[in-house]
C-alpha cells in the first residue's frame, strides 16, 4: 500500500444524461486515472417554487444522479475537477456537485495481493 500524501479522491454527482460527455472528457486526459460510476438518488438544496418543501410519507421525491469517483495525484485534481465541471455543465439548476477528499493510502489489488503468503487449500 502506498501511504504517501498526494492522492485525492474526486467525487462528482452529475445528471445521468451527461455520462457520455463525462466519459469522453476523462478519456481525453493524458494520464487517464480510471473511474467508477454508481447510480444514486437524493435531494438538492433547492426548495422549489414558493421557497419551502415539506416531505410527507406519500410524497418523497428524489432526483437521479450518477456518482463518479476517481483517485488521482493531487497536482492533477484541479484540472480534472474543471474538466468534469465543463463536461457535466448544462447551466440549469441541479447540474450536480464536485468535491475532493484526501486519500491516506492507495494500492492496486493486482499489485499488492500477490505479495502475501497465502496457504493453499
PDB file of N, CA and C in Angstrom:
ATOM      1  N   UNK A   1       0.840  -1.180   0.000  1.00  0.00           N
ATOM      2  CA  UNK A   1       0.000   0.000   0.000  1.00  0.00           C
ATOM      3  C   UNK A   1       0.880   1.236   0.000  1.00  0.00           C
ATOM      4  N   UNK A   2       0.521   2.182  -0.820  1.00  0.00           N
ATOM      5  CA  UNK A   2       1.217   3.454  -0.873  1.00  0.00           C
ATOM      6  C   UNK A   2       0.549   4.401   0.122  1.00  0.00           C
ATOM      7  N   UNK A   3       1.303   4.873   1.093  1.00  0.00           N
ATOM      8  CA  UNK A   3       0.740   5.785   2.085  1.00  0.00           C
ATOM      9  C   UNK A   3       1.277   7.194   1.927  1.00  0.00           C
ATOM     10  N   UNK A   4       1.920   7.464   0.787  1.00  0.00           N
ATOM     11  CA  UNK A   4       2.415   8.816   0.542  1.00  0.00           C
ATOM     12  C   UNK A   4       1.250   9.771   0.369  1.00  0.00           C
ATOM     13  N   UNK A   5       1.416  10.991   0.863  1.00  0.00           N
ATOM     14  CA  UNK A   5       0.405  12.012   0.586  1.00  0.00           C
ATOM     15  C   UNK A   5       0.445  12.330  -0.887  1.00  0.00           C
ATOM     16  N   UNK A   6      -0.540  13.029  -1.345  1.00  0.00           N
ATOM     17  CA  UNK A   6      -0.527  13.420  -2.734  1.00  0.00           C
ATOM     18  C   UNK A   6      -1.581  12.744  -3.577  1.00  0.00           C
ATOM     19  N   UNK A   7      -2.442  11.951  -2.965  1.00  0.00           N
ATOM     20  CA  UNK A   7      -3.537  11.338  -3.713  1.00  0.00           C
ATOM     21  C   UNK A   7      -4.845  11.982  -3.254  1.00  0.00           C
ATOM     22  N   UNK A   8      -5.741  12.176  -4.210  1.00  0.00           N
ATOM     23  CA  UNK A   8      -7.028  12.825  -3.955  1.00  0.00           C
ATOM     24  C   UNK A   8      -8.145  11.969  -4.538  1.00  0.00           C
ATOM     25  N   UNK A   9      -9.216  11.813  -3.779  1.00  0.00           N
ATOM     26  CA  UNK A   9     -10.438  11.195  -4.281  1.00  0.00           C
ATOM     27  C   UNK A   9     -11.354  12.306  -4.764  1.00  0.00           C
ATOM     28  N   UNK A  10     -11.735  12.256  -6.026  1.00  0.00           N
ATOM     29  CA  UNK A  10     -12.695  13.218  -6.583  1.00  0.00           C
ATOM     30  C   UNK A  10     -14.028  12.503  -6.682  1.00  0.00           C
ATOM     31  N   UNK A  11     -15.057  13.127  -6.131  1.00  0.00           N
ATOM     32  CA  UNK A  11     -16.415  12.607  -6.213  1.00  0.00           C
ATOM     33  C   UNK A  11     -17.274  13.669  -6.868  1.00  0.00           C
ATOM     34  N   UNK A  12     -18.043  13.270  -7.870  1.00  0.00           N
ATOM     35  CA  UNK A  12     -18.926  14.208  -8.564  1.00  0.00           C
ATOM     36  C   UNK A  12     -20.293  13.554  -8.734  1.00  0.00           C
ATOM     37  N   UNK A  13     -21.332  14.310  -8.451  1.00  0.00           N
ATOM     38  CA  UNK A  13     -22.695  13.883  -8.741  1.00  0.00           C
ATOM     39  C   UNK A  13     -23.139  14.641  -9.977  1.00  0.00           C
ATOM     40  N   UNK A  14     -23.495  13.901 -11.024  1.00  0.00           N
ATOM     41  CA  UNK A  14     -23.849  14.534 -12.294  1.00  0.00           C
ATOM     42  C   UNK A  14     -25.192  14.001 -12.791  1.00  0.00           C
ATOM     43  N   UNK A  15     -25.775  14.720 -13.728  1.00  0.00           N
ATOM     44  CA  UNK A  15     -27.022  14.263 -14.357  1.00  0.00           C
ATOM     45  C   UNK A  15     -26.719  13.018 -15.202  1.00  0.00           C
ATOM     46  N   UNK A  16     -27.591  12.016 -15.153  1.00  0.00           N
ATOM     47  CA  UNK A  16     -27.325  10.768 -15.887  1.00  0.00           C
ATOM     48  C   UNK A  16     -27.123  10.951 -17.392  1.00  0.00           C
ATOM     49  N   UNK A  17     -27.836  11.881 -18.004  1.00  0.00           N
ATOM     50  CA  UNK A  17     -27.701  12.035 -19.457  1.00  0.00           C
ATOM     51  C   UNK A  17     -26.381  12.685 -19.870  1.00  0.00           C
ATOM     52  N   UNK A  18     -25.568  13.115 -18.906  1.00  0.00           N
ATOM     53  CA  UNK A  18     -24.264  13.711 -19.208  1.00  0.00           C
ATOM     54  C   UNK A  18     -23.128  12.681 -19.142  1.00  0.00           C
ATOM     55  N   UNK A  19     -23.472  11.413 -18.957  1.00  0.00           N
ATOM     56  CA  UNK A  19     -22.459  10.365 -18.821  1.00  0.00           C
ATOM     57  C   UNK A  19     -21.525  10.294 -20.031  1.00  0.00           C
ATOM     58  N   UNK A  20     -22.060  10.335 -21.223  1.00  0.00           N
ATOM     59  CA  UNK A  20     -21.227  10.254 -22.424  1.00  0.00           C
ATOM     60  C   UNK A  20     -20.223  11.396 -22.526  1.00  0.00           C
ATOM     61  N   UNK A  21     -20.672  12.613 -22.213  1.00  0.00           N
ATOM     62  CA  UNK A  21     -19.767  13.771 -22.217  1.00  0.00           C
ATOM     63  C   UNK A  21     -18.645  13.558 -21.209  1.00  0.00           C
ATOM     64  N   UNK A  22     -19.015  13.030 -20.037  1.00  0.00           N
ATOM     65  CA  UNK A  22     -18.041  12.826 -18.965  1.00  0.00           C
ATOM     66  C   UNK A  22     -17.003  11.783 -19.358  1.00  0.00           C
ATOM     67  N   UNK A  23     -17.451  10.671 -19.905  1.00  0.00           N
ATOM     68  CA  UNK A  23     -16.523   9.603 -20.290  1.00  0.00           C
ATOM     69  C   UNK A  23     -15.547  10.094 -21.355  1.00  0.00           C
ATOM     70  N   UNK A  24     -16.047  10.807 -22.364  1.00  0.00           N
ATOM     71  CA  UNK A  24     -15.147  11.347 -23.396  1.00  0.00           C
ATOM     72  C   UNK A  24     -14.132  12.317 -22.798  1.00  0.00           C
ATOM     73  N   UNK A  25     -14.582  13.184 -21.899  1.00  0.00           N
ATOM     74  CA  UNK A  25     -13.675  14.164 -21.285  1.00  0.00           C
ATOM     75  C   UNK A  25     -12.585  13.470 -20.478  1.00  0.00           C
ATOM     76  N   UNK A  26     -12.920  12.411 -19.759  1.00  0.00           N
ATOM     77  CA  UNK A  26     -11.923  11.705 -18.957  1.00  0.00           C
ATOM     78  C   UNK A  26     -10.971  10.901 -19.838  1.00  0.00           C
ATOM     79  N   UNK A  27     -11.465  10.314 -20.918  1.00  0.00           N
ATOM     80  CA  UNK A  27     -10.598   9.559 -21.817  1.00  0.00           C
ATOM     81  C   UNK A  27      -9.639  10.469 -22.576  1.00  0.00           C
ATOM     82  N   UNK A  28      -9.954  11.744 -22.681  1.00  0.00           N
ATOM     83  CA  UNK A  28      -9.067  12.693 -23.341  1.00  0.00           C
ATOM     84  C   UNK A  28      -7.883  13.110 -22.467  1.00  0.00           C
ATOM     85  N   UNK A  29      -7.891  12.741 -21.185  1.00  0.00           N
ATOM     86  CA  UNK A  29      -6.781  13.078 -20.299  1.00  0.00           C
ATOM     87  C   UNK A  29      -5.523  12.320 -20.708  1.00  0.00           C
ATOM     88  N   UNK A  30      -4.377  12.966 -20.595  1.00  0.00           N
ATOM     89  CA  UNK A  30      -3.109  12.321 -20.912  1.00  0.00           C
ATOM     90  C   UNK A  30      -2.843  11.158 -19.970  1.00  0.00           C
ATOM     91  N   UNK A  31      -3.002  11.402 -18.668  1.00  0.00           N
ATOM     92  CA  UNK A  31      -2.822  10.355 -17.655  1.00  0.00           C
ATOM     93  C   UNK A  31      -4.191   9.920 -17.166  1.00  0.00           C
ATOM     94  N   UNK A  32      -4.874   9.096 -17.953  1.00  0.00           N
ATOM     95  CA  UNK A  32      -6.219   8.645 -17.634  1.00  0.00           C
ATOM     96  C   UNK A  32      -6.219   7.899 -16.298  1.00  0.00           C
ATOM     97  N   UNK A  33      -6.962   8.390 -15.283  1.00  0.00           N
ATOM     98  CA  UNK A  33      -6.889   7.794 -13.951  1.00  0.00           C
ATOM     99  C   UNK A  33      -7.815   6.602 -13.725  1.00  0.00           C
ATOM    100  N   UNK A  34      -8.751   6.322 -14.603  1.00  0.00           N
ATOM    101  CA  UNK A  34      -9.763   5.308 -14.338  1.00  0.00           C
ATOM    102  C   UNK A  34     -10.824   5.893 -13.412  1.00  0.00           C
ATOM    103  N   UNK A  35     -12.028   5.355 -13.447  1.00  0.00           N
ATOM    104  CA  UNK A  35     -13.109   5.916 -12.652  1.00  0.00           C
ATOM    105  C   UNK A  35     -14.196   4.874 -12.460  1.00  0.00           C
ATOM    106  N   UNK A  36     -15.116   5.156 -11.561  1.00  0.00           N
ATOM    107  CA  UNK A  36     -16.303   4.331 -11.367  1.00  0.00           C
ATOM    108  C   UNK A  36     -17.528   5.227 -11.379  1.00  0.00           C
ATOM    109  N   UNK A  37     -18.652   4.658 -11.790  1.00  0.00           N
ATOM    110  CA  UNK A  37     -19.948   5.322 -11.733  1.00  0.00           C
ATOM    111  C   UNK A  37     -20.883   4.470 -10.886  1.00  0.00           C
ATOM    112  N   UNK A  38     -21.703   5.109 -10.096  1.00  0.00           N
ATOM    113  CA  UNK A  38     -22.808   4.462  -9.384  1.00  0.00           C
ATOM    114  C   UNK A  38     -24.061   5.273  -9.637  1.00  0.00           C
ATOM    115  N   UNK A  39     -25.195   4.607  -9.703  1.00  0.00           N
ATOM    116  CA  UNK A  39     -26.463   5.311  -9.778  1.00  0.00           C
ATOM    117  C   UNK A  39     -26.896   5.643  -8.359  1.00  0.00           C
ATOM    118  N   UNK A  40     -27.175   6.909  -8.112  1.00  0.00           N
ATOM    119  CA  UNK A  40     -27.593   7.356  -6.783  1.00  0.00           C
ATOM    120  C   UNK A  40     -28.822   8.244  -6.916  1.00  0.00           C
ATOM    121  N   UNK A  41     -29.474   8.492  -5.818  1.00  0.00           N
ATOM    122  CA  UNK A  41     -30.606   9.411  -5.819  1.00  0.00           C
ATOM    123  C   UNK A  41     -30.536  10.259  -4.566  1.00  0.00           C
ATOM    124  N   UNK A  42     -31.097  11.448  -4.639  1.00  0.00           N
ATOM    125  CA  UNK A  42     -31.044  12.340  -3.491  1.00  0.00           C
ATOM    126  C   UNK A  42     -31.823  13.607  -3.744  1.00  0.00           C
ATOM    127  N   UNK A  43     -31.711  14.510  -2.806  1.00  0.00           N
ATOM    128  CA  UNK A  43     -32.380  15.803  -2.895  1.00  0.00           C
ATOM    129  C   UNK A  43     -31.339  16.890  -2.751  1.00  0.00           C
ATOM    130  N   UNK A  44     -31.436  17.881  -3.616  1.00  0.00           N
ATOM    131  CA  UNK A  44     -30.522  19.016  -3.562  1.00  0.00           C
ATOM    132  C   UNK A  44     -30.973  20.031  -2.536  1.00  0.00           C
ATOM    133  N   UNK A  45     -30.285  21.138  -2.501  1.00  0.00           N
ATOM    134  CA  UNK A  45     -30.619  22.167  -1.523  1.00  0.00           C
ATOM    135  C   UNK A  45     -31.735  23.077  -1.981  1.00  0.00           C
ATOM    136  N   UNK A  46     -32.138  22.956  -3.249  1.00  0.00           N
ATOM    137  CA  UNK A  46     -33.205  23.801  -3.776  1.00  0.00           C
ATOM    138  C   UNK A  46     -34.531  23.539  -3.090  1.00  0.00           C
ATOM    139  N   UNK A  47     -35.327  24.561  -2.930  1.00  0.00           N
ATOM    140  CA  UNK A  47     -36.600  24.433  -2.244  1.00  0.00           C
ATOM    141  C   UNK A  47     -37.781  24.482  -3.201  1.00  0.00           C
ATOM    142  N   UNK A  48     -37.516  24.718  -4.465  1.00  0.00           N
ATOM    143  CA  UNK A  48     -38.606  24.774  -5.422  1.00  0.00           C
ATOM    144  C   UNK A  48     -39.356  26.083  -5.356  1.00  0.00           C
ATOM    145  N   UNK A  49     -40.397  26.155  -6.156  1.00  0.00           N
ATOM    146  CA  UNK A  49     -41.185  27.376  -6.211  1.00  0.00           C
ATOM    147  C   UNK A  49     -41.906  27.578  -4.891  1.00  0.00           C
ATOM    148  N   UNK A  50     -41.870  28.768  -4.359  1.00  0.00           N
ATOM    149  CA  UNK A  50     -42.516  29.059  -3.089  1.00  0.00           C
ATOM    150  C   UNK A  50     -41.559  29.053  -1.919  1.00  0.00           C
ATOM    151  N   UNK A  51     -40.379  28.477  -2.088  1.00  0.00           N
ATOM    152  CA  UNK A  51     -39.340  28.579  -1.078  1.00  0.00           C
ATOM    153  C   UNK A  51     -39.375  27.567   0.038  1.00  0.00           C
ATOM    154  N   UNK A  52     -40.308  26.604   0.043  1.00  0.00           N
ATOM    155  CA  UNK A  52     -40.290  25.617   1.115  1.00  0.00           C
ATOM    156  C   UNK A  52     -40.720  24.258   0.572  1.00  0.00           C
ATOM    157  N   UNK A  53     -40.281  23.220   1.247  1.00  0.00           N
ATOM    158  CA  UNK A  53     -40.646  21.865   0.877  1.00  0.00           C
ATOM    159  C   UNK A  53     -40.944  21.117   2.149  1.00  0.00           C
ATOM    160  N   UNK A  54     -42.083  20.501   2.223  1.00  0.00           N
ATOM    161  CA  UNK A  54     -42.453  19.706   3.381  1.00  0.00           C
ATOM    162  C   UNK A  54     -42.692  18.290   2.886  1.00  0.00           C
ATOM    163  N   UNK A  55     -41.836  17.369   3.301  1.00  0.00           N
ATOM    164  CA  UNK A  55     -41.961  15.983   2.863  1.00  0.00           C
ATOM    165  C   UNK A  55     -43.050  15.282   3.645  1.00  0.00           C
ATOM    166  N   UNK A  56     -43.779  14.436   2.973  1.00  0.00           N
ATOM    167  CA  UNK A  56     -44.746  13.577   3.649  1.00  0.00           C
ATOM    168  C   UNK A  56     -44.412  12.142   3.280  1.00  0.00           C
ATOM    169  N   UNK A  57     -44.991  11.196   3.985  1.00  0.00           N
ATOM    170  CA  UNK A  57     -44.710   9.793   3.703  1.00  0.00           C
ATOM    171  C   UNK A  57     -45.160   9.390   2.303  1.00  0.00           C
ATOM    172  N   UNK A  58     -46.159  10.056   1.774  1.00  0.00           N
ATOM    173  CA  UNK A  58     -46.686   9.713   0.457  1.00  0.00           C
ATOM    174  C   UNK A  58     -45.968  10.443  -0.675  1.00  0.00           C
ATOM    175  N   UNK A  59     -45.302  11.552  -0.365  1.00  0.00           N
ATOM    176  CA  UNK A  59     -44.734  12.388  -1.422  1.00  0.00           C
ATOM    177  C   UNK A  59     -43.273  12.710  -1.140  1.00  0.00           C
ATOM    178  N   UNK A  60     -42.411  11.707  -1.234  1.00  0.00           N
ATOM    179  CA  UNK A  60     -40.977  11.940  -1.106  1.00  0.00           C
ATOM    180  C   UNK A  60     -40.390  11.774  -2.499  1.00  0.00           C
ATOM    181  N   UNK A  61     -39.865  12.867  -3.024  1.00  0.00           N
ATOM    182  CA  UNK A  61     -39.309  12.819  -4.374  1.00  0.00           C
ATOM    183  C   UNK A  61     -37.791  12.914  -4.318  1.00  0.00           C
ATOM    184  N   UNK A  62     -37.146  12.173  -5.201  1.00  0.00           N
ATOM    185  CA  UNK A  62     -35.700  12.170  -5.303  1.00  0.00           C
ATOM    186  C   UNK A  62     -35.314  12.454  -6.747  1.00  0.00           C
ATOM    187  N   UNK A  63     -34.107  12.955  -6.918  1.00  0.00           N
ATOM    188  CA  UNK A  63     -33.542  13.161  -8.244  1.00  0.00           C
ATOM    189  C   UNK A  63     -32.516  12.056  -8.486  1.00  0.00           C
ATOM    190  N   UNK A  64     -32.457  11.575  -9.701  1.00  0.00           N
ATOM    191  CA  UNK A  64     -31.490  10.551 -10.077  1.00  0.00           C
ATOM    192  C   UNK A  64     -30.190  11.229 -10.508  1.00  0.00           C
ATOM    193  N   UNK A  65     -29.074  10.706 -10.043  1.00  0.00           N
ATOM    194  CA  UNK A  65     -27.756  11.202 -10.417  1.00  0.00           C
ATOM    195  C   UNK A  65     -26.830  10.023 -10.671  1.00  0.00           C
ATOM    196  N   UNK A  66     -25.708  10.296 -11.305  1.00  0.00           N
ATOM    197  CA  UNK A  66     -24.602   9.365 -11.372  1.00  0.00           C
ATOM    198  C   UNK A  66     -23.521   9.897 -10.440  1.00  0.00           C
ATOM    199  N   UNK A  67     -22.960   9.020  -9.644  1.00  0.00           N
ATOM    200  CA  UNK A  67     -21.860   9.407  -8.773  1.00  0.00           C
ATOM    201  C   UNK A  67     -20.567   8.889  -9.400  1.00  0.00           C
ATOM    202  N   UNK A  68     -19.712   9.805  -9.770  1.00  0.00           N
ATOM    203  CA  UNK A  68     -18.420   9.494 -10.359  1.00  0.00           C
ATOM    204  C   UNK A  68     -17.381   9.547  -9.252  1.00  0.00           C
ATOM    205  N   UNK A  69     -16.507   8.538  -9.192  1.00  0.00           N
ATOM    206  CA  UNK A  69     -15.397   8.553  -8.238  1.00  0.00           C
ATOM    207  C   UNK A  69     -14.116   8.183  -8.964  1.00  0.00           C
ATOM    208  N   UNK A  70     -13.072   8.955  -8.681  1.00  0.00           N
ATOM    209  CA  UNK A  70     -11.763   8.614  -9.217  1.00  0.00           C
ATOM    210  C   UNK A  70     -10.686   9.111  -8.264  1.00  0.00           C
ATOM    211  N   UNK A  71      -9.554   8.419  -8.280  1.00  0.00           N
ATOM    212  CA  UNK A  71      -8.407   8.792  -7.455  1.00  0.00           C
ATOM    213  C   UNK A  71      -7.303   9.244  -8.395  1.00  0.00           C
ATOM    214  N   UNK A  72      -6.695  10.383  -8.063  1.00  0.00           N
ATOM    215  CA  UNK A  72      -5.634  10.926  -8.918  1.00  0.00           C
ATOM    216  C   UNK A  72      -4.562  11.570  -8.047  1.00  0.00           C
ATOM    217  N   UNK A  73      -3.469  11.957  -8.675  1.00  0.00           N
ATOM    218  CA  UNK A  73      -2.425  12.715  -7.989  1.00  0.00           C
ATOM    219  C   UNK A  73      -2.978  14.086  -7.633  1.00  0.00           C
ATOM    220  N   UNK A  74      -2.575  14.641  -6.504  1.00  0.00           N
ATOM    221  CA  UNK A  74      -3.136  15.919  -6.050  1.00  0.00           C
ATOM    222  C   UNK A  74      -2.852  17.053  -7.025  1.00  0.00           C
ATOM    223  N   UNK A  75      -1.732  16.990  -7.744  1.00  0.00           N
ATOM    224  CA  UNK A  75      -1.439  18.072  -8.684  1.00  0.00           C
ATOM    225  C   UNK A  75      -2.331  18.024  -9.929  1.00  0.00           C
ATOM    226  N   UNK A  76      -3.050  16.924 -10.150  1.00  0.00           N
ATOM    227  CA  UNK A  76      -3.979  16.807 -11.271  1.00  0.00           C
ATOM    228  C   UNK A  76      -5.416  17.143 -10.889  1.00  0.00           C
ATOM    229  N   UNK A  77      -5.700  17.209  -9.595  1.00  0.00           N
ATOM    230  CA  UNK A  77      -7.082  17.293  -9.116  1.00  0.00           C
ATOM    231  C   UNK A  77      -7.827  18.524  -9.626  1.00  0.00           C
ATOM    232  N   UNK A  78      -7.207  19.688  -9.600  1.00  0.00           N
ATOM    233  CA  UNK A  78      -7.894  20.912 -10.022  1.00  0.00           C
ATOM    234  C   UNK A  78      -8.270  20.826 -11.497  1.00  0.00           C
ATOM    235  N   UNK A  79      -7.337  20.401 -12.342  1.00  0.00           N
ATOM    236  CA  UNK A  79      -7.656  20.338 -13.772  1.00  0.00           C
ATOM    237  C   UNK A  79      -8.703  19.267 -14.073  1.00  0.00           C
ATOM    238  N   UNK A  80      -8.684  18.157 -13.351  1.00  0.00           N
ATOM    239  CA  UNK A  80      -9.697  17.120 -13.556  1.00  0.00           C
ATOM    240  C   UNK A  80     -11.059  17.615 -13.091  1.00  0.00           C
ATOM    241  N   UNK A  81     -11.115  18.298 -11.956  1.00  0.00           N
ATOM    242  CA  UNK A  81     -12.385  18.868 -11.481  1.00  0.00           C
ATOM    243  C   UNK A  81     -12.945  19.872 -12.491  1.00  0.00           C
ATOM    244  N   UNK A  82     -12.077  20.699 -13.050  1.00  0.00           N
ATOM    245  CA  UNK A  82     -12.519  21.669 -14.066  1.00  0.00           C
ATOM    246  C   UNK A  82     -13.044  20.952 -15.308  1.00  0.00           C
ATOM    247  N   UNK A  83     -12.388  19.877 -15.714  1.00  0.00           N
ATOM    248  CA  UNK A  83     -12.818  19.108 -16.882  1.00  0.00           C
ATOM    249  C   UNK A  83     -14.176  18.449 -16.610  1.00  0.00           C
ATOM    250  N   UNK A  84     -14.360  17.909 -15.408  1.00  0.00           N
ATOM    251  CA  UNK A  84     -15.640  17.298 -15.035  1.00  0.00           C
ATOM    252  C   UNK A  84     -16.747  18.347 -15.060  1.00  0.00           C
ATOM    253  N   UNK A  85     -16.472  19.502 -14.458  1.00  0.00           N
ATOM    254  CA  UNK A  85     -17.482  20.568 -14.412  1.00  0.00           C
ATOM    255  C   UNK A  85     -17.867  21.031 -15.820  1.00  0.00           C
ATOM    256  N   UNK A  86     -16.892  21.157 -16.699  1.00  0.00           N
ATOM    257  CA  UNK A  86     -17.184  21.591 -18.064  1.00  0.00           C
ATOM    258  C   UNK A  86     -18.001  20.539 -18.818  1.00  0.00           C
ATOM    259  N   UNK A  87     -17.668  19.254 -18.618  1.00  0.00           N
ATOM    260  CA  UNK A  87     -18.378  18.186 -19.328  1.00  0.00           C
ATOM    261  C   UNK A  87     -19.794  17.976 -18.799  1.00  0.00           C
ATOM    262  N   UNK A  88     -20.025  18.233 -17.503  1.00  0.00           N
ATOM    263  CA  UNK A  88     -21.333  17.976 -16.893  1.00  0.00           C
ATOM    264  C   UNK A  88     -22.247  19.199 -16.900  1.00  0.00           C
ATOM    265  N   UNK A  89     -21.739  20.352 -17.298  1.00  0.00           N
ATOM    266  CA  UNK A  89     -22.483  21.608 -17.214  1.00  0.00           C
ATOM    267  C   UNK A  89     -23.618  21.672 -18.227  1.00  0.00           C
ATOM    268  N   UNK A  90     -24.815  22.007 -17.735  1.00  0.00           N
ATOM    269  CA  UNK A  90     -25.943  22.303 -18.625  1.00  0.00           C
ATOM    270  C   UNK A  90     -26.413  23.734 -18.420  1.00  0.00           C
ATOM    271  N   UNK A  91     -26.017  24.343 -17.287  1.00  0.00           N
ATOM    272  CA  UNK A  91     -26.442  25.698 -16.977  1.00  0.00           C
ATOM    273  C   UNK A  91     -27.767  25.757 -16.228  1.00  0.00           C
ATOM    274  N   UNK A  92     -28.321  24.598 -15.921  1.00  0.00           N
ATOM    275  CA  UNK A  92     -29.593  24.565 -15.202  1.00  0.00           C
ATOM    276  C   UNK A  92     -29.374  24.137 -13.763  1.00  0.00           C
ATOM    277  N   UNK A  93     -30.326  24.497 -12.940  1.00  0.00           N
ATOM    278  CA  UNK A  93     -30.312  24.094 -11.539  1.00  0.00           C
ATOM    279  C   UNK A  93     -30.276  22.567 -11.462  1.00  0.00           C
ATOM    280  N   UNK A  94     -29.468  22.045 -10.564  1.00  0.00           N
ATOM    281  CA  UNK A  94     -29.383  20.596 -10.410  1.00  0.00           C
ATOM    282  C   UNK A  94     -28.313  19.938 -11.254  1.00  0.00           C
ATOM    283  N   UNK A  95     -27.359  20.720 -11.776  1.00  0.00           N
ATOM    284  CA  UNK A  95     -26.272  20.140 -12.567  1.00  0.00           C
ATOM    285  C   UNK A  95     -25.412  19.187 -11.738  1.00  0.00           C
ATOM    286  N   UNK A  96     -25.358  19.369 -10.449  1.00  0.00           N
ATOM    287  CA  UNK A  96     -24.601  18.466  -9.593  1.00  0.00           C
ATOM    288  C   UNK A  96     -23.551  19.179  -8.772  1.00  0.00           C
ATOM    289  N   UNK A  97     -22.694  18.391  -8.144  1.00  0.00           N
ATOM    290  CA  UNK A  97     -21.633  18.910  -7.278  1.00  0.00           C
ATOM    291  C   UNK A  97     -20.355  18.108  -7.509  1.00  0.00           C
ATOM    292  N   UNK A  98     -19.232  18.709  -7.124  1.00  0.00           N
ATOM    293  CA  UNK A  98     -17.928  18.043  -7.136  1.00  0.00           C
ATOM    294  C   UNK A  98     -17.255  18.342  -5.802  1.00  0.00           C
ATOM    295  N   UNK A  99     -16.636  17.320  -5.212  1.00  0.00           N
ATOM    296  CA  UNK A  99     -15.845  17.567  -4.008  1.00  0.00           C
ATOM    297  C   UNK A  99     -14.659  16.611  -3.975  1.00  0.00           C
ATOM    298  N   UNK A 100     -13.649  16.993  -3.206  1.00  0.00           N
ATOM    299  CA  UNK A 100     -12.437  16.187  -3.114  1.00  0.00           C
ATOM    300  C   UNK A 100     -12.190  15.774  -1.665  1.00  0.00           C
ATOM    301  N   UNK A 101     -11.493  14.660  -1.522  1.00  0.00           N
ATOM    302  CA  UNK A 101     -11.153  14.116  -0.212  1.00  0.00           C
ATOM    303  C   UNK A 101      -9.722  13.589  -0.279  1.00  0.00           C
ATOM    304  N   UNK A 102      -8.898  13.864   0.721  1.00  0.00           N
ATOM    305  CA  UNK A 102      -7.548  13.295   0.715  1.00  0.00           C
ATOM    306  C   UNK A 102      -7.601  11.769   0.833  1.00  0.00           C
ATOM    307  N   UNK A 103      -6.700  11.102   0.133  1.00  0.00           N
ATOM    308  CA  UNK A 103      -6.588   9.647   0.208  1.00  0.00           C
ATOM    309  C   UNK A 103      -5.337   9.336   1.023  1.00  0.00           C
ATOM    310  N   UNK A 104      -5.504   8.607   2.110  1.00  0.00           N
ATOM    311  CA  UNK A 104      -4.382   8.341   3.013  1.00  0.00           C
ATOM    312  C   UNK A 104      -3.551   7.144   2.583  1.00  0.00           C
ATOM    313  N   UNK A 105      -4.140   6.203   1.883  1.00  0.00           N
ATOM    314  CA  UNK A 105      -3.369   5.088   1.339  1.00  0.00           C
ATOM    315  C   UNK A 105      -4.050   4.618   0.061  1.00  0.00           C
ATOM    316  N   UNK A 106      -3.252   4.050  -0.838  1.00  0.00           N
ATOM    317  CA  UNK A 106      -3.759   3.619  -2.135  1.00  0.00           C
ATOM    318  C   UNK A 106      -2.942   2.437  -2.609  1.00  0.00           C
ATOM    319  N   UNK A 107      -3.608   1.443  -3.126  1.00  0.00           N
ATOM    320  CA  UNK A 107      -2.912   0.293  -3.696  1.00  0.00           C
ATOM    321  C   UNK A 107      -3.796  -0.445  -4.669  1.00  0.00           C
ATOM    322  N   UNK A 108      -3.194  -0.980  -5.705  1.00  0.00           N
ATOM    323  CA  UNK A 108      -3.916  -1.813  -6.674  1.00  0.00           C
ATOM    324  C   UNK A 108      -3.840  -3.261  -6.203  1.00  0.00           C
ATOM    325  N   UNK A 109      -4.973  -3.901  -6.107  1.00  0.00           N
ATOM    326  CA  UNK A 109      -5.043  -5.263  -5.578  1.00  0.00           C
ATOM    327  C   UNK A 109      -4.157  -6.203  -6.372  1.00  0.00           C
ATOM    328  N   UNK A 110      -4.136  -6.056  -7.695  1.00  0.00           N
ATOM    329  CA  UNK A 110      -3.320  -6.962  -8.515  1.00  0.00           C
ATOM    330  C   UNK A 110      -1.839  -6.805  -8.202  1.00  0.00           C
ATOM    331  N   UNK A 111      -1.420  -5.615  -7.728  1.00  0.00           N
ATOM    332  CA  UNK A 111      -0.010  -5.375  -7.437  1.00  0.00           C
ATOM    333  C   UNK A 111       0.366  -5.777  -6.017  1.00  0.00           C
ATOM    334  N   UNK A 112      -0.531  -5.629  -5.061  1.00  0.00           N
ATOM    335  CA  UNK A 112      -0.177  -5.939  -3.670  1.00  0.00           C
ATOM    336  C   UNK A 112      -0.718  -7.279  -3.198  1.00  0.00           C
ATOM    337  N   UNK A 113      -1.705  -7.810  -3.866  1.00  0.00           N
ATOM    338  CA  UNK A 113      -2.325  -9.058  -3.423  1.00  0.00           C
ATOM    339  C   UNK A 113      -1.431 -10.269  -3.541  1.00  0.00           C
ATOM    340  N   UNK A 114      -0.569 -10.311  -4.528  1.00  0.00           N
ATOM    341  CA  UNK A 114       0.304 -11.459  -4.735  1.00  0.00           C
ATOM    342  C   UNK A 114       1.494 -11.509  -3.801  1.00  0.00           C
ATOM    343  N   UNK A 115       1.743 -10.460  -3.045  1.00  0.00           N
ATOM    344  CA  UNK A 115       2.910 -10.402  -2.164  1.00  0.00           C
ATOM    345  C   UNK A 115       2.675 -11.101  -0.841  1.00  0.00           C
ATOM    346  N   UNK A 116       1.444 -11.417  -0.537  1.00  0.00           N
ATOM    347  CA  UNK A 116       1.115 -12.066   0.734  1.00  0.00           C
ATOM    348  C   UNK A 116       1.271 -13.579   0.571  1.00  0.00           C
ATOM    349  N   UNK A 117       1.845 -14.204   1.575  1.00  0.00           N
ATOM    350  CA  UNK A 117       1.906 -15.678   1.574  1.00  0.00           C
ATOM    351  C   UNK A 117       0.536 -16.184   1.981  1.00  0.00           C
ATOM    352  N   UNK A 118      -0.053 -16.957   1.113  1.00  0.00           N
ATOM    353  CA  UNK A 118      -1.390 -17.493   1.404  1.00  0.00           C
ATOM    354  C   UNK A 118      -1.305 -19.015   1.458  1.00  0.00           C
ATOM    355  N   UNK A 119      -1.962 -19.575   2.454  1.00  0.00           N
ATOM    356  CA  UNK A 119      -1.998 -21.050   2.481  1.00  0.00           C
ATOM    357  C   UNK A 119      -2.856 -21.561   1.321  1.00  0.00           C
ATOM    358  N   UNK A 120      -2.424 -22.641   0.709  1.00  0.00           N
ATOM    359  CA  UNK A 120      -3.177 -23.223  -0.391  1.00  0.00           C
ATOM    360  C   UNK A 120      -4.074 -24.306   0.154  1.00  0.00           C
ATOM    361  N   UNK A 121      -5.293 -24.340  -0.315  1.00  0.00           N
ATOM    362  CA  UNK A 121      -6.244 -25.372   0.158  1.00  0.00           C
ATOM    363  C   UNK A 121      -6.017 -26.664  -0.523  1.00  0.00           C
TER     364      UNK A 121
END
